[in-house]
Amino acid sequence: MKMKSSRKLRFLQASAGALAMAFLLIATPALAESRVIEILADKDSRFKVTGQRHAEITVKAGESLVLRIQARRGKTWSRDGAVHGFTLLHAKDHAKVPGWDLELKPGVQEFQLTAPAEPGEYQILCTVICSDEHEGMTMRFVVVP
């Protein structure tokens, strides 16, 4: 039995919709499962995390993260309009962690990242000279197993 043209069209549309939905479900679990961490790179050349007196981030090794960073301009303005930097270093040898060298422009930006696989202490520091207080713009970052 042959399908009528309108039935074929509805079948094809439904099939295409189902395939698109399946693709979305397969492609987006990492984003849906990512932990969102909100950070303020403030005008006083300090990193701040809501609810913490001394900013520190603790994550699980290999955890999927979304860093939602609000950057506020400090006393100086640097390269390409960046107002702060956000770089993750190994605490032992100060080697940069690949993929964790970010430039922050004014406003809110989101970065999809994966926590380092190696547990231990790391340090976040600002890599853009943002004020006379720039050297103090650091934050502890801890990776647990």
C-alpha atoms as a PDB file:
ATOM      1  CA  MET A   1       0.000   0.000   0.000  1.00  0.00           C
ATOM      2  CA  LYS A   2       1.380   3.382  -1.015  1.00  0.00           C
ATOM      3  CA  MET A   3       1.422   6.382   1.338  1.00  0.00           C
ATOM      4  CA  LYS A   4      -0.300   9.496   0.148  1.00  0.00           C
ATOM      5  CA  SER A   5       1.897  12.571  -0.409  1.00  0.00           C
ATOM      6  CA  SER A   6       0.608  14.438   2.650  1.00  0.00           C
ATOM      7  CA  ARG A   7       1.145  11.366   4.841  1.00  0.00           C
ATOM      8  CA  LYS A   8       4.664  10.960   3.470  1.00  0.00           C
ATOM      9  CA  LEU A   9       5.406  14.599   4.191  1.00  0.00           C
ATOM     10  CA  ARG A  10       4.094  14.334   7.786  1.00  0.00           C
ATOM     11  CA  PHE A  11       6.073  11.113   8.280  1.00  0.00           C
ATOM     12  CA  LEU A  12       9.282  12.737   6.998  1.00  0.00           C
ATOM     13  CA  GLN A  13       8.723  15.831   9.151  1.00  0.00           C
ATOM     14  CA  ALA A  14       8.112  13.705  12.241  1.00  0.00           C
ATOM     15  CA  SER A  15      11.205  11.601  11.485  1.00  0.00           C
ATOM     16  CA  ALA A  16      13.363  14.694  10.999  1.00  0.00           C
ATOM     17  CA  GLY A  17      12.069  16.156  14.268  1.00  0.00           C
ATOM     18  CA  ALA A  18      12.784  12.918  16.124  1.00  0.00           C
ATOM     19  CA  LEU A  19      16.310  12.783  14.720  1.00  0.00           C
ATOM     20  CA  ALA A  20      16.950  16.401  15.676  1.00  0.00           C
ATOM     21  CA  MET A  21      15.700  15.762  19.221  1.00  0.00           C
ATOM     22  CA  ALA A  22      17.865  12.636  19.528  1.00  0.00           C
ATOM     23  CA  PHE A  23      20.896  14.597  18.368  1.00  0.00           C
ATOM     24  CA  LEU A  24      20.237  17.330  20.938  1.00  0.00           C
ATOM     25  CA  LEU A  25      19.867  14.795  23.726  1.00  0.00           C
ATOM     26  CA  ILE A  26      23.138  13.143  22.751  1.00  0.00           C
ATOM     27  CA  ALA A  27      25.074  16.359  22.130  1.00  0.00           C
ATOM     28  CA  THR A  28      24.089  18.389  25.218  1.00  0.00           C
ATOM     29  CA  PRO A  29      24.408  16.156  28.289  1.00  0.00           C
ATOM     30  CA  ALA A  30      27.815  17.648  29.113  1.00  0.00           C
ATOM     31  CA  LEU A  31      26.320  21.125  29.248  1.00  0.00           C
ATOM     32  CA  ALA A  32      23.308  19.948  31.220  1.00  0.00           C
ATOM     33  CA  GLU A  33      25.534  18.135  33.728  1.00  0.00           C
ATOM     34  CA  SER A  34      28.140  20.880  34.096  1.00  0.00           C
ATOM     35  CA  ARG A  35      28.412  22.594  37.436  1.00  0.00           C
ATOM     36  CA  VAL A  36      28.101  26.362  37.156  1.00  0.00           C
ATOM     37  CA  ILE A  37      30.520  28.405  39.260  1.00  0.00           C
ATOM     38  CA  GLU A  38      29.892  32.143  39.472  1.00  0.00           C
ATOM     39  CA  ILE A  39      32.916  34.371  39.935  1.00  0.00           C
ATOM     40  CA  LEU A  40      33.354  38.124  40.124  1.00  0.00           C
ATOM     41  CA  ALA A  41      36.607  39.608  38.804  1.00  0.00           C
ATOM     42  CA  ASP A  42      36.090  42.892  40.580  1.00  0.00           C
ATOM     43  CA  LYS A  43      37.273  46.446  40.035  1.00  0.00           C
ATOM     44  CA  ASP A  44      39.283  46.260  43.285  1.00  0.00           C
ATOM     45  CA  SER A  45      41.519  43.612  41.631  1.00  0.00           C
ATOM     46  CA  ARG A  46      40.106  40.693  43.597  1.00  0.00           C
ATOM     47  CA  PHE A  47      38.395  37.474  42.580  1.00  0.00           C
ATOM     48  CA  LYS A  48      35.217  36.892  44.571  1.00  0.00           C
ATOM     49  CA  VAL A  49      32.884  33.931  44.952  1.00  0.00           C
ATOM     50  CA  THR A  50      29.414  34.526  46.380  1.00  0.00           C
ATOM     51  CA  GLY A  51      29.103  33.472  50.017  1.00  0.00           C
ATOM     52  CA  GLN A  52      32.853  33.219  50.616  1.00  0.00           C
ATOM     53  CA  ARG A  53      35.030  35.576  52.595  1.00  0.00           C
ATOM     54  CA  HIS A  54      38.208  34.290  50.938  1.00  0.00           C
ATOM     55  CA  ALA A  55      37.511  33.137  47.396  1.00  0.00           C
ATOM     56  CA  GLU A  56      38.352  29.500  46.763  1.00  0.00           C
ATOM     57  CA  ILE A  57      37.017  26.909  44.355  1.00  0.00           C
ATOM     58  CA  THR A  58      36.945  23.166  45.026  1.00  0.00           C
ATOM     59  CA  VAL A  59      36.098  20.756  42.199  1.00  0.00           C
ATOM     60  CA  LYS A  60      36.294  17.044  41.450  1.00  0.00           C
ATOM     61  CA  ALA A  61      39.012  15.760  39.142  1.00  0.00           C
ATOM     62  CA  GLY A  62      37.753  15.773  35.557  1.00  0.00           C
ATOM     63  CA  GLU A  63      34.498  17.529  36.510  1.00  0.00           C
ATOM     64  CA  SER A  64      32.690  19.417  33.752  1.00  0.00           C
ATOM     65  CA  LEU A  65      32.392  23.096  34.668  1.00  0.00           C
ATOM     66  CA  VAL A  66      30.858  26.285  33.407  1.00  0.00           C
ATOM     67  CA  LEU A  67      32.625  29.340  34.773  1.00  0.00           C
ATOM     68  CA  ARG A  68      30.277  32.312  34.670  1.00  0.00           C
ATOM     69  CA  ILE A  69      32.594  35.236  35.262  1.00  0.00           C
ATOM     70  CA  GLN A  70      31.521  38.843  35.654  1.00  0.00           C
ATOM     71  CA  ALA A  71      34.433  41.191  35.007  1.00  0.00           C
ATOM     72  CA  ARG A  72      34.452  44.781  36.216  1.00  0.00           C
ATOM     73  CA  ARG A  73      37.018  47.214  34.935  1.00  0.00           C
ATOM     74  CA  GLY A  74      39.788  48.102  37.368  1.00  0.00           C
ATOM     75  CA  LYS A  75      41.851  51.267  37.304  1.00  0.00           C
ATOM     76  CA  THR A  76      43.634  50.348  34.075  1.00  0.00           C
ATOM     77  CA  TRP A  77      42.626  48.866  30.747  1.00  0.00           C
ATOM     78  CA  SER A  78      44.825  46.376  28.944  1.00  0.00           C
ATOM     79  CA  ARG A  79      45.199  44.425  25.725  1.00  0.00           C
ATOM     80  CA  ASP A  80      42.272  44.085  23.320  1.00  0.00           C
ATOM     81  CA  GLY A  81      39.844  45.550  25.839  1.00  0.00           C
ATOM     82  CA  ALA A  82      40.496  42.792  28.407  1.00  0.00           C
ATOM     83  CA  VAL A  83      40.125  44.082  31.959  1.00  0.00           C
ATOM     84  CA  HIS A  84      41.329  40.948  33.782  1.00  0.00           C
ATOM     85  CA  GLY A  85      42.891  37.588  33.033  1.00  0.00           C
ATOM     86  CA  PHE A  86      42.039  34.204  34.531  1.00  0.00           C
ATOM     87  CA  THR A  87      44.801  31.614  34.361  1.00  0.00           C
ATOM     88  CA  LEU A  88      45.084  28.316  36.236  1.00  0.00           C
ATOM     89  CA  LEU A  89      48.567  27.252  37.365  1.00  0.00           C
ATOM     90  CA  HIS A  90      49.887  24.144  39.114  1.00  0.00           C
ATOM     91  CA  ALA A  91      50.768  25.302  42.643  1.00  0.00           C
ATOM     92  CA  LYS A  92      53.973  23.198  42.714  1.00  0.00           C
ATOM     93  CA  ASP A  93      55.752  24.504  39.638  1.00  0.00           C
ATOM     94  CA  HIS A  94      53.500  27.339  38.403  1.00  0.00           C
ATOM     95  CA  ALA A  95      53.055  25.622  35.025  1.00  0.00           C
ATOM     96  CA  LYS A  96      49.945  26.732  33.134  1.00  0.00           C
ATOM     97  CA  VAL A  97      47.075  24.265  32.827  1.00  0.00           C
ATOM     98  CA  PRO A  98      46.230  23.984  29.110  1.00  0.00           C
ATOM     99  CA  GLY A  99      42.910  25.569  28.130  1.00  0.00           C
ATOM    100  CA  TRP A 100      42.695  27.653  31.301  1.00  0.00           C
ATOM    101  CA  ASP A 101      44.188  30.933  30.054  1.00  0.00           C
ATOM    102  CA  LEU A 102      41.226  33.292  29.681  1.00  0.00           C
ATOM    103  CA  GLU A 103      40.963  36.999  28.933  1.00  0.00           C
ATOM    104  CA  LEU A 104      38.014  38.736  30.545  1.00  0.00           C
ATOM    105  CA  LYS A 105      36.247  41.670  28.943  1.00  0.00           C
ATOM    106  CA  PRO A 106      33.760  43.839  30.847  1.00  0.00           C
ATOM    107  CA  GLY A 107      30.465  42.086  31.544  1.00  0.00           C
ATOM    108  CA  VAL A 108      29.508  38.446  32.011  1.00  0.00           C
ATOM    109  CA  GLN A 109      31.136  35.627  30.057  1.00  0.00           C
ATOM    110  CA  GLU A 110      30.772  31.860  30.296  1.00  0.00           C
ATOM    111  CA  PHE A 111      33.516  29.323  29.738  1.00  0.00           C
ATOM    112  CA  GLN A 112      32.931  25.561  29.380  1.00  0.00           C
ATOM    113  CA  LEU A 113      35.961  23.828  30.924  1.00  0.00           C
ATOM    114  CA  THR A 114      37.006  20.503  32.396  1.00  0.00           C
ATOM    115  CA  ALA A 115      38.731  20.407  35.773  1.00  0.00           C
ATOM    116  CA  PRO A 116      42.259  19.006  35.755  1.00  0.00           C
ATOM    117  CA  ALA A 117      42.446  15.230  36.110  1.00  0.00           C
ATOM    118  CA  GLU A 118      45.251  15.473  38.666  1.00  0.00           C
ATOM    119  CA  PRO A 119      44.068  16.126  42.238  1.00  0.00           C
ATOM    120  CA  GLY A 120      45.941  18.787  44.162  1.00  0.00           C
ATOM    121  CA  GLU A 121      46.305  22.503  44.746  1.00  0.00           C
ATOM    122  CA  TYR A 122      46.259  25.004  41.924  1.00  0.00           C
ATOM    123  CA  GLN A 123      46.301  28.778  41.785  1.00  0.00           C
ATOM    124  CA  ILE A 124      44.217  31.154  39.714  1.00  0.00           C
ATOM    125  CA  LEU A 125      45.784  34.473  38.913  1.00  0.00           C
ATOM    126  CA  CYS A 126      45.028  37.546  36.864  1.00  0.00           C
ATOM    127  CA  THR A 127      47.286  37.867  33.824  1.00  0.00           C
ATOM    128  CA  VAL A 128      46.176  41.345  32.750  1.00  0.00           C
ATOM    129  CA  ILE A 129      47.610  44.322  34.622  1.00  0.00           C
ATOM    130  CA  CYS A 130      44.387  45.715  36.032  1.00  0.00           C
ATOM    131  CA  SER A 131      45.608  48.108  38.756  1.00  0.00           C
ATOM    132  CA  ASP A 132      48.349  48.709  41.292  1.00  0.00           C
ATOM    133  CA  GLU A 133      46.776  45.849  43.289  1.00  0.00           C
ATOM    134  CA  HIS A 134      47.067  43.408  40.355  1.00  0.00           C
ATOM    135  CA  GLU A 135      49.654  41.174  42.067  1.00  0.00           C
ATOM    136  CA  GLY A 136      47.121  40.310  44.782  1.00  0.00           C
ATOM    137  CA  MET A 137      44.481  39.098  42.322  1.00  0.00           C
ATOM    138  CA  THR A 138      44.803  35.375  43.022  1.00  0.00           C
ATOM    139  CA  MET A 139      42.531  32.587  44.174  1.00  0.00           C
ATOM    140  CA  ARG A 140      43.057  29.062  45.458  1.00  0.00           C
ATOM    141  CA  PHE A 141      41.693  26.224  43.291  1.00  0.00           C
ATOM    142  CA  VAL A 142      41.557  22.709  44.757  1.00  0.00           C
ATOM    143  CA  VAL A 143      40.979  19.504  42.791  1.00  0.00           C
ATOM    144  CA  VAL A 144      39.810  16.521  44.844  1.00  0.00           C
ATOM    145  CA  PRO A 145      39.689  12.890  43.666  1.00  0.00           C
END
